[in-house]
Amino acid sequence: MSFFNIVMVSILLAGCVSMHISNFNKHNTVGRDIDEVIAELSKRNIVCGQKYSEKSVNSTHISGSVNCGIKEKSLVCPKSYGLYLSYDLITNKVTSVLNDERDNCF
């Protein structure tokens, strides 16, 4: 089997989803409207849950947050990718973005 064929088989088994989250630019997201960011993620087939409010620890500040994610379609140890978006409830602007990557092996 040639090197090219090995690479092609590896790509097919990888699920091709990792590019969706890895190409997501966190730095360009901060300061943008949360609804615009969710719409952009939806176009990439990344599913976002309901927006909710949360209170920071040792603070009276309440912010909004939403979790988004996608799972690879790989047959062997698919990875799941997640984004945790925090936003200001008054301005509706994203204040921080955290990402998470996990292997889903048995």
Protein backbone atom coordinates (compact mmCIF):
# COMPACT_ATOMS: atom_id res chain seq x y z
CA MET A 1 0.00 0.00 0.00
CA SER A 2 1.41 3.37 -0.96
CA PHE A 3 1.94 6.22 1.47
CA PHE A 4 -0.84 8.18 -0.26
CA ASN A 5 -3.36 5.37 0.29
CA ILE A 6 -2.40 5.10 3.97
CA VAL A 7 -2.93 8.85 4.41
CA MET A 8 -6.31 8.69 2.66
CA VAL A 9 -7.52 5.80 4.82
CA SER A 10 -6.36 7.65 7.96
CA ILE A 11 -8.31 10.74 6.94
CA LEU A 12 -11.45 8.70 6.32
CA LEU A 13 -11.21 7.04 9.72
CA ALA A 14 -10.59 10.35 11.47
CA GLY A 15 -14.12 11.56 10.83
CA CYS A 16 -13.11 14.90 9.30
CA VAL A 17 -14.79 16.82 12.13
CA SER A 18 -11.74 18.15 13.93
CA MET A 19 -11.38 20.91 11.35
CA HIS A 20 -14.72 22.41 12.43
CA ILE A 21 -13.56 23.33 15.92
CA SER A 22 -9.84 23.72 15.26
CA ASN A 23 -10.57 26.32 12.56
CA PHE A 24 -12.80 28.24 14.96
CA ASN A 25 -10.97 31.44 15.91
CA LYS A 26 -11.64 32.13 19.59
CA HIS A 27 -9.94 35.53 19.50
CA ASN A 28 -12.27 36.84 16.77
CA THR A 29 -15.29 35.60 18.72
CA VAL A 30 -14.83 37.68 21.88
CA GLY A 31 -16.79 40.91 21.49
CA ARG A 32 -19.20 39.54 18.88
CA ASP A 33 -22.95 39.11 19.38
CA ILE A 34 -23.72 35.68 20.89
CA ASP A 35 -26.58 35.01 18.45
CA GLU A 36 -24.27 35.64 15.46
CA VAL A 37 -21.68 33.24 16.90
CA ILE A 38 -24.31 30.53 17.48
CA ALA A 39 -25.59 30.99 13.90
CA GLU A 40 -22.02 30.64 12.55
CA LEU A 41 -21.47 27.47 14.58
CA SER A 42 -24.79 26.07 13.37
CA LYS A 43 -23.66 26.52 9.75
CA ARG A 44 -20.69 24.26 10.62
CA ASN A 45 -23.08 21.61 12.03
CA ILE A 46 -21.99 22.38 15.58
CA VAL A 47 -24.99 22.06 17.89
CA CYS A 48 -25.52 24.60 20.67
CA GLY A 49 -27.73 24.07 23.70
CA GLN A 50 -29.99 26.60 25.39
CA LYS A 51 -28.57 29.87 26.64
CA TYR A 52 -28.65 30.18 30.42
CA SER A 53 -27.60 32.57 33.17
CA GLU A 54 -25.02 31.82 35.83
CA LYS A 55 -23.56 33.63 38.80
CA SER A 56 -19.78 33.79 39.19
CA VAL A 57 -18.24 32.35 42.33
CA ASN A 58 -17.61 34.98 45.04
CA SER A 59 -19.32 37.63 42.94
CA THR A 60 -22.71 39.19 42.36
CA HIS A 61 -22.08 39.37 38.60
CA ILE A 62 -24.44 37.26 36.49
CA SER A 63 -23.42 36.31 32.97
CA GLY A 64 -24.91 34.24 30.19
CA SER A 65 -23.42 31.06 28.82
CA VAL A 66 -24.07 28.40 26.21
CA ASN A 67 -22.43 25.06 25.45
CA CYS A 68 -21.86 23.93 21.87
CA GLY A 69 -20.38 20.73 20.53
CA ILE A 70 -19.94 18.12 17.84
CA LYS A 71 -18.81 14.51 17.75
CA GLU A 72 -16.74 12.86 15.02
CA LYS A 73 -18.31 10.10 12.98
CA SER A 74 -15.20 7.95 13.18
CA LEU A 75 -15.71 4.27 13.90
CA VAL A 76 -12.62 4.00 16.10
CA CYS A 77 -12.40 6.25 19.19
CA PRO A 78 -14.36 9.24 17.89
CA LYS A 79 -13.48 12.57 19.45
CA SER A 80 -15.97 15.07 20.74
CA TYR A 81 -15.31 18.78 20.56
CA GLY A 82 -16.99 21.39 22.71
CA LEU A 83 -17.10 25.14 23.12
CA TYR A 84 -18.24 26.96 26.24
CA LEU A 85 -19.24 30.55 25.43
CA SER A 86 -19.79 33.18 28.12
CA TYR A 87 -21.51 36.44 27.26
CA ASP A 88 -22.72 39.64 28.89
CA LEU A 89 -26.49 39.57 29.43
CA ILE A 90 -26.87 43.32 28.90
CA THR A 91 -24.84 43.76 25.70
CA ASN A 92 -25.24 40.16 24.41
CA LYS A 93 -21.51 40.20 23.53
CA VAL A 94 -19.25 37.17 23.99
CA THR A 95 -16.79 37.71 26.85
CA SER A 96 -14.87 34.40 26.83
CA VAL A 97 -14.54 31.14 24.93
CA LEU A 98 -13.25 27.82 26.26
CA ASN A 99 -12.81 24.72 24.14
CA ASP A 100 -12.70 21.07 25.08
CA GLU A 101 -11.58 17.98 23.16
CA ARG A 102 -12.20 14.42 24.37
CA ASP A 103 -11.56 10.91 23.12
CA ASN A 104 -14.60 8.64 23.32
CA CYS A 105 -12.96 5.24 23.56
CA PHE A 106 -14.42 2.36 25.51
